[in-house]
């Protein structure tokens, strides 16, 4: 099982959604809008001083599904090279409780 996290500027959220749909990576996911933080692209607070916000997508699936998420993000980075978009992948252990 692979966990893939995508943190992106909300300016490219709709474009990401389109790429995810085109590559069929929406089997199971979590979307968290209005994510605040500080990264290499600057601060995101959603206030009057730092008005931008991020969105966080979480995906769990097999390696093939994770690879499709990577490809979707790669396409977005090619189209919007100056927007903050980051992807992280981890091996995930899932426990049935």
N, C-alpha and C. Protein backbone atom coordinates (compact mmCIF):
# COMPACT_ATOMS: atom_id res chain seq x y z
N UNK A 1 0.86 -1.17 0.00
CA UNK A 1 0.00 0.00 0.00
C UNK A 1 0.90 1.23 0.00
N UNK A 2 0.54 2.21 -0.83
CA UNK A 2 1.28 3.46 -0.97
C UNK A 2 0.38 4.62 -0.55
N UNK A 3 0.95 5.53 0.24
CA UNK A 3 0.25 6.78 0.59
C UNK A 3 0.91 7.88 -0.25
N UNK A 4 0.10 8.62 -0.97
CA UNK A 4 0.59 9.74 -1.77
C UNK A 4 -0.09 11.00 -1.28
N UNK A 5 0.71 12.00 -0.98
CA UNK A 5 0.21 13.30 -0.55
C UNK A 5 0.55 14.34 -1.62
N UNK A 6 -0.41 15.16 -1.95
CA UNK A 6 -0.19 16.26 -2.88
C UNK A 6 -0.62 17.53 -2.16
N UNK A 7 0.33 18.45 -2.01
CA UNK A 7 0.05 19.76 -1.42
C UNK A 7 0.24 20.77 -2.54
N UNK A 8 -0.80 21.57 -2.80
CA UNK A 8 -0.74 22.48 -3.94
C UNK A 8 -1.43 23.80 -3.63
N UNK A 9 -0.99 24.82 -4.31
CA UNK A 9 -1.65 26.11 -4.25
C UNK A 9 -3.07 25.93 -4.80
N UNK A 10 -4.04 26.54 -4.15
CA UNK A 10 -5.43 26.38 -4.59
C UNK A 10 -5.66 26.93 -5.99
N UNK A 11 -4.74 27.74 -6.48
CA UNK A 11 -4.87 28.29 -7.83
C UNK A 11 -4.86 27.18 -8.88
N UNK A 12 -4.25 26.04 -8.58
CA UNK A 12 -4.19 24.94 -9.55
C UNK A 12 -5.08 23.75 -9.14
N UNK A 13 -5.92 23.94 -8.14
CA UNK A 13 -6.77 22.85 -7.64
C UNK A 13 -7.66 22.26 -8.74
N UNK A 14 -8.36 23.10 -9.49
CA UNK A 14 -9.24 22.60 -10.54
C UNK A 14 -8.46 21.87 -11.63
N UNK A 15 -7.29 22.38 -11.94
CA UNK A 15 -6.45 21.71 -12.94
C UNK A 15 -6.00 20.34 -12.44
N UNK A 16 -5.65 20.25 -11.17
CA UNK A 16 -5.30 18.95 -10.59
C UNK A 16 -6.48 17.99 -10.65
N UNK A 17 -7.66 18.48 -10.28
CA UNK A 17 -8.86 17.63 -10.32
C UNK A 17 -9.10 17.08 -11.73
N UNK A 18 -8.89 17.92 -12.74
CA UNK A 18 -9.06 17.47 -14.12
C UNK A 18 -8.04 16.39 -14.48
N UNK A 19 -6.79 16.59 -14.09
CA UNK A 19 -5.76 15.58 -14.38
C UNK A 19 -6.02 14.28 -13.61
N UNK A 20 -6.44 14.39 -12.36
CA UNK A 20 -6.77 13.19 -11.58
C UNK A 20 -7.90 12.41 -12.27
N UNK A 21 -8.91 13.13 -12.73
CA UNK A 21 -10.03 12.47 -13.41
C UNK A 21 -9.57 11.83 -14.72
N UNK A 22 -8.73 12.54 -15.47
CA UNK A 22 -8.26 12.03 -16.76
C UNK A 22 -7.45 10.75 -16.58
N UNK A 23 -6.72 10.64 -15.46
CA UNK A 23 -5.87 9.47 -15.21
C UNK A 23 -6.51 8.47 -14.25
N UNK A 24 -7.80 8.69 -13.94
CA UNK A 24 -8.57 7.76 -13.11
C UNK A 24 -7.89 7.46 -11.78
N UNK A 25 -7.57 8.50 -11.02
CA UNK A 25 -6.94 8.30 -9.72
C UNK A 25 -7.87 8.67 -8.56
N UNK A 26 -9.15 8.74 -8.82
CA UNK A 26 -10.09 9.13 -7.77
C UNK A 26 -10.84 7.98 -7.14
N UNK A 27 -10.28 6.78 -7.18
CA UNK A 27 -10.96 5.65 -6.54
C UNK A 27 -11.25 5.93 -5.07
N UNK A 28 -10.21 6.26 -4.33
CA UNK A 28 -10.36 6.61 -2.91
C UNK A 28 -9.36 7.72 -2.60
N UNK A 29 -9.85 8.79 -2.03
CA UNK A 29 -8.98 9.91 -1.70
C UNK A 29 -9.62 10.77 -0.62
N UNK A 30 -8.81 11.63 -0.04
CA UNK A 30 -9.27 12.64 0.89
C UNK A 30 -8.78 13.98 0.37
N UNK A 31 -9.64 14.97 0.38
CA UNK A 31 -9.29 16.33 -0.04
C UNK A 31 -9.52 17.26 1.13
N UNK A 32 -8.48 18.00 1.49
CA UNK A 32 -8.58 18.95 2.60
C UNK A 32 -8.32 20.34 2.05
N UNK A 33 -9.35 21.16 1.93
CA UNK A 33 -9.17 22.52 1.40
C UNK A 33 -8.69 23.46 2.51
N UNK A 34 -8.19 24.61 2.11
CA UNK A 34 -7.83 25.65 3.08
C UNK A 34 -6.66 25.27 3.98
N UNK A 35 -5.63 24.65 3.41
CA UNK A 35 -4.47 24.22 4.18
C UNK A 35 -3.49 25.39 4.28
N UNK A 36 -3.04 25.67 5.50
CA UNK A 36 -2.11 26.77 5.74
C UNK A 36 -0.74 26.23 6.11
N UNK A 37 0.30 27.00 5.79
CA UNK A 37 1.65 26.59 6.14
C UNK A 37 2.68 27.47 5.47
N UNK A 38 3.94 27.06 5.62
CA UNK A 38 5.06 27.77 5.02
C UNK A 38 5.94 26.75 4.33
N UNK A 39 6.29 27.04 3.09
CA UNK A 39 7.17 26.16 2.33
C UNK A 39 8.05 26.98 1.42
N UNK A 40 8.65 26.31 0.47
CA UNK A 40 9.57 27.00 -0.43
C UNK A 40 8.86 28.02 -1.32
N UNK A 41 7.54 27.89 -1.46
CA UNK A 41 6.77 28.85 -2.27
C UNK A 41 6.25 30.02 -1.44
N UNK A 42 6.58 30.05 -0.15
CA UNK A 42 6.15 31.14 0.70
C UNK A 42 5.06 30.74 1.67
N UNK A 43 4.53 31.73 2.36
CA UNK A 43 3.50 31.48 3.37
C UNK A 43 2.12 31.38 2.74
N UNK A 44 1.31 30.53 3.32
CA UNK A 44 -0.10 30.37 2.93
C UNK A 44 -0.90 30.40 4.23
N UNK A 45 -1.60 31.51 4.46
CA UNK A 45 -2.37 31.67 5.69
C UNK A 45 -3.85 31.94 5.46
N UNK A 46 -4.21 32.37 4.27
CA UNK A 46 -5.61 32.68 4.01
C UNK A 46 -6.10 33.92 4.73
N UNK A 47 -5.19 34.84 5.06
CA UNK A 47 -5.61 36.08 5.72
C UNK A 47 -5.30 37.28 4.83
N UNK A 48 -5.51 38.48 5.34
CA UNK A 48 -5.32 39.67 4.51
C UNK A 48 -3.84 39.95 4.20
N UNK A 49 -2.91 39.43 4.98
CA UNK A 49 -1.49 39.63 4.71
C UNK A 49 -0.95 38.54 3.78
N UNK A 50 -1.29 37.31 4.05
CA UNK A 50 -0.88 36.16 3.24
C UNK A 50 -2.15 35.47 2.75
N UNK A 51 -2.79 35.99 1.69
CA UNK A 51 -4.13 35.54 1.31
C UNK A 51 -4.21 34.16 0.64
N UNK A 52 -3.12 33.64 0.15
CA UNK A 52 -3.20 32.37 -0.57
C UNK A 52 -3.37 31.21 0.40
N UNK A 53 -3.96 30.13 -0.12
CA UNK A 53 -4.14 28.89 0.63
C UNK A 53 -3.73 27.72 -0.24
N UNK A 54 -3.48 26.60 0.42
CA UNK A 54 -3.18 25.36 -0.27
C UNK A 54 -4.34 24.40 -0.14
N UNK A 55 -4.25 23.32 -0.88
CA UNK A 55 -5.18 22.20 -0.77
C UNK A 55 -4.31 20.96 -0.60
N UNK A 56 -4.80 20.00 0.16
CA UNK A 56 -4.08 18.75 0.40
C UNK A 56 -4.92 17.58 -0.07
N UNK A 57 -4.34 16.74 -0.92
CA UNK A 57 -4.97 15.51 -1.36
C UNK A 57 -4.21 14.34 -0.78
N UNK A 58 -4.92 13.36 -0.24
CA UNK A 58 -4.33 12.12 0.27
C UNK A 58 -4.90 10.96 -0.52
N UNK A 59 -4.01 10.11 -1.02
CA UNK A 59 -4.41 8.93 -1.77
C UNK A 59 -3.77 7.70 -1.13
N UNK A 60 -4.52 6.62 -1.08
CA UNK A 60 -4.00 5.32 -0.66
C UNK A 60 -4.31 4.33 -1.76
N UNK A 61 -3.33 3.56 -2.16
CA UNK A 61 -3.57 2.58 -3.20
C UNK A 61 -2.32 1.77 -3.48
N UNK A 62 -2.37 1.03 -4.56
CA UNK A 62 -1.21 0.23 -4.96
C UNK A 62 -0.21 1.11 -5.71
N UNK A 63 0.91 0.54 -6.08
CA UNK A 63 1.97 1.29 -6.76
C UNK A 63 1.46 1.90 -8.07
N UNK A 64 0.66 1.15 -8.80
CA UNK A 64 0.13 1.65 -10.07
C UNK A 64 -0.70 2.92 -9.85
N UNK A 65 -1.56 2.90 -8.84
CA UNK A 65 -2.37 4.09 -8.54
C UNK A 65 -1.48 5.26 -8.14
N UNK A 66 -0.48 4.99 -7.33
CA UNK A 66 0.45 6.04 -6.92
C UNK A 66 1.19 6.63 -8.11
N UNK A 67 1.56 5.78 -9.07
CA UNK A 67 2.24 6.25 -10.28
C UNK A 67 1.34 7.17 -11.10
N UNK A 68 0.04 6.88 -11.12
CA UNK A 68 -0.89 7.74 -11.87
C UNK A 68 -1.00 9.12 -11.21
N UNK A 69 -0.97 9.16 -9.87
CA UNK A 69 -0.99 10.45 -9.18
C UNK A 69 0.28 11.24 -9.53
N UNK A 70 1.42 10.56 -9.52
CA UNK A 70 2.69 11.21 -9.88
C UNK A 70 2.61 11.80 -11.29
N UNK A 71 2.07 11.06 -12.22
CA UNK A 71 1.95 11.54 -13.60
C UNK A 71 1.03 12.76 -13.67
N UNK A 72 -0.07 12.75 -12.93
CA UNK A 72 -0.99 13.91 -12.93
C UNK A 72 -0.27 15.15 -12.40
N UNK A 73 0.47 14.99 -11.33
CA UNK A 73 1.20 16.14 -10.76
C UNK A 73 2.30 16.59 -11.71
N UNK A 74 2.98 15.67 -12.35
CA UNK A 74 4.02 16.02 -13.32
C UNK A 74 3.43 16.90 -14.44
N UNK A 75 2.25 16.53 -14.92
CA UNK A 75 1.59 17.32 -15.97
C UNK A 75 1.28 18.74 -15.49
N UNK A 76 0.81 18.86 -14.25
CA UNK A 76 0.49 20.17 -13.70
C UNK A 76 1.75 21.01 -13.54
N UNK A 77 2.83 20.40 -13.05
CA UNK A 77 4.08 21.14 -12.90
C UNK A 77 4.63 21.61 -14.25
N UNK A 78 4.41 20.84 -15.30
CA UNK A 78 4.83 21.27 -16.63
C UNK A 78 4.04 22.49 -17.10
N UNK A 79 2.74 22.50 -16.80
CA UNK A 79 1.88 23.61 -17.20
C UNK A 79 2.06 24.85 -16.33
N UNK A 80 2.33 24.62 -15.04
CA UNK A 80 2.43 25.72 -14.07
C UNK A 80 3.72 25.58 -13.25
N UNK A 81 4.86 25.80 -13.87
CA UNK A 81 6.13 25.55 -13.19
C UNK A 81 6.40 26.46 -11.99
N UNK A 82 5.74 27.61 -11.93
CA UNK A 82 5.99 28.55 -10.84
C UNK A 82 5.02 28.43 -9.67
N UNK A 83 4.01 27.56 -9.80
CA UNK A 83 3.06 27.36 -8.71
C UNK A 83 3.59 26.33 -7.73
N UNK A 84 3.28 26.53 -6.47
CA UNK A 84 3.70 25.58 -5.45
C UNK A 84 2.88 24.30 -5.53
N UNK A 85 3.51 23.22 -5.93
CA UNK A 85 2.87 21.90 -5.96
C UNK A 85 3.94 20.91 -5.52
N UNK A 86 3.65 20.14 -4.46
CA UNK A 86 4.60 19.15 -3.96
C UNK A 86 3.90 17.82 -3.81
N UNK A 87 4.67 16.77 -4.02
CA UNK A 87 4.15 15.41 -3.92
C UNK A 87 5.09 14.60 -3.03
N UNK A 88 4.51 13.80 -2.14
CA UNK A 88 5.25 12.93 -1.25
C UNK A 88 4.63 11.54 -1.32
N UNK A 89 5.46 10.51 -1.32
CA UNK A 89 4.94 9.14 -1.28
C UNK A 89 5.65 8.36 -0.18
N UNK A 90 4.87 7.49 0.46
CA UNK A 90 5.37 6.66 1.55
C UNK A 90 4.78 5.27 1.44
N UNK A 91 5.48 4.30 1.93
CA UNK A 91 4.90 2.98 2.11
C UNK A 91 3.94 3.10 3.29
N UNK A 92 2.77 2.54 3.14
CA UNK A 92 1.75 2.65 4.19
C UNK A 92 1.32 1.26 4.66
N UNK A 93 1.23 1.10 5.94
CA UNK A 93 0.68 -0.12 6.52
C UNK A 93 -0.76 0.17 6.92
N UNK A 94 -1.65 -0.69 6.51
CA UNK A 94 -3.07 -0.53 6.83
C UNK A 94 -3.47 -1.66 7.76
N UNK A 95 -4.12 -1.30 8.84
CA UNK A 95 -4.54 -2.27 9.83
C UNK A 95 -6.07 -2.35 9.85
N UNK A 96 -6.59 -3.51 9.69
CA UNK A 96 -8.04 -3.73 9.82
C UNK A 96 -8.33 -3.97 11.28
N UNK A 97 -9.02 -3.04 11.91
CA UNK A 97 -9.33 -3.16 13.34
C UNK A 97 -10.78 -3.47 13.56
